[in-house]
Amino acid sequence: MEGRPLDEEEAGLVERARGGDVRAYESLVRRYQDLAYRTACLITGSAADTEDATEEGQVKAWHSLDRFR
């Protein structure tokens, strides 16, 4: 699945996060946390499950940065 192309700032944050920069990853999380939360809410329908799913997705994304395209 492909989304919109990253702008230069986002691409830089991704590259820094790939290099282990936790602050860069935090910036990415803050940028997309509302979208992730709303999407999880539509899928789960439960506030508790939404929070768990959003958090788990952020952790999985951190561990998968090396595979990010």
Protein backbone atom coordinates (compact mmCIF):
# COMPACT_ATOMS: atom_id res chain seq x y z
CA MET A 1 0.00 0.00 0.00
CA GLU A 2 1.33 3.41 -0.91
CA GLY A 3 0.44 6.73 0.62
CA ARG A 4 1.38 10.25 -0.23
CA PRO A 5 5.06 11.04 -0.71
CA LEU A 6 6.91 12.32 2.36
CA ASP A 7 7.93 15.95 2.41
CA GLU A 8 11.58 16.78 3.10
CA GLU A 9 11.03 17.31 6.83
CA GLU A 10 9.22 13.97 7.25
CA ALA A 11 11.85 12.14 5.22
CA GLY A 12 14.55 13.65 7.43
CA LEU A 13 12.71 12.59 10.58
CA VAL A 14 12.34 9.05 9.25
CA GLU A 15 16.05 8.83 8.40
CA ARG A 16 17.04 10.18 11.81
CA ALA A 17 14.64 7.77 13.54
CA ARG A 18 16.09 4.89 11.52
CA GLY A 19 19.46 5.89 12.92
CA GLY A 20 18.11 5.56 16.45
CA ASP A 21 17.11 9.17 17.11
CA VAL A 22 14.25 8.77 19.59
CA ARG A 23 13.33 12.47 19.44
CA ALA A 24 12.85 12.24 15.67
CA TYR A 25 10.55 9.26 16.17
CA GLU A 26 8.64 11.15 18.87
CA SER A 27 8.09 13.97 16.36
CA LEU A 28 6.68 11.48 13.86
CA VAL A 29 4.41 9.96 16.51
CA ARG A 30 3.09 13.38 17.53
CA ARG A 31 2.50 14.26 13.89
CA TYR A 32 0.39 11.16 13.22
CA GLN A 33 -1.03 10.15 16.62
CA ASP A 34 -4.45 11.74 16.04
CA LEU A 35 -4.87 9.97 12.70
CA ALA A 36 -3.73 6.66 14.23
CA TYR A 37 -6.13 7.10 17.15
CA ARG A 38 -9.12 7.94 14.95
CA THR A 39 -8.39 4.99 12.66
CA ALA A 40 -8.06 2.58 15.60
CA CYS A 41 -11.28 3.95 17.08
CA LEU A 42 -13.19 3.23 13.88
CA ILE A 43 -11.85 -0.33 13.88
CA THR A 44 -12.16 -1.21 17.57
CA GLY A 45 -15.13 0.87 18.69
CA SER A 46 -13.80 0.87 22.25
CA ALA A 47 -11.79 3.63 23.93
CA ALA A 48 -9.61 1.19 25.87
CA ASP A 49 -8.96 -0.98 22.83
CA THR A 50 -8.26 2.13 20.75
CA GLU A 51 -5.58 3.32 23.15
CA ASP A 52 -4.00 -0.14 23.30
CA ALA A 53 -4.03 -0.51 19.51
CA THR A 54 -2.56 2.94 18.94
CA GLU A 55 0.22 2.36 21.46
CA GLU A 56 1.00 -1.09 20.10
CA GLY A 57 1.11 0.29 16.56
CA GLN A 58 3.61 2.96 17.58
CA VAL A 59 5.88 0.39 19.21
CA LYS A 60 5.66 -1.93 16.19
CA ALA A 61 6.41 0.97 13.86
CA TRP A 62 9.55 1.82 15.86
CA HIS A 63 10.78 -1.76 15.52
CA SER A 64 9.96 -1.79 11.80
CA LEU A 65 11.65 1.43 10.74
CA ASP A 66 14.34 -0.49 8.88
CA ARG A 67 11.64 -1.83 6.54
CA PHE A 68 9.96 1.55 5.98
CA ARG A 69 9.67 2.51 2.31
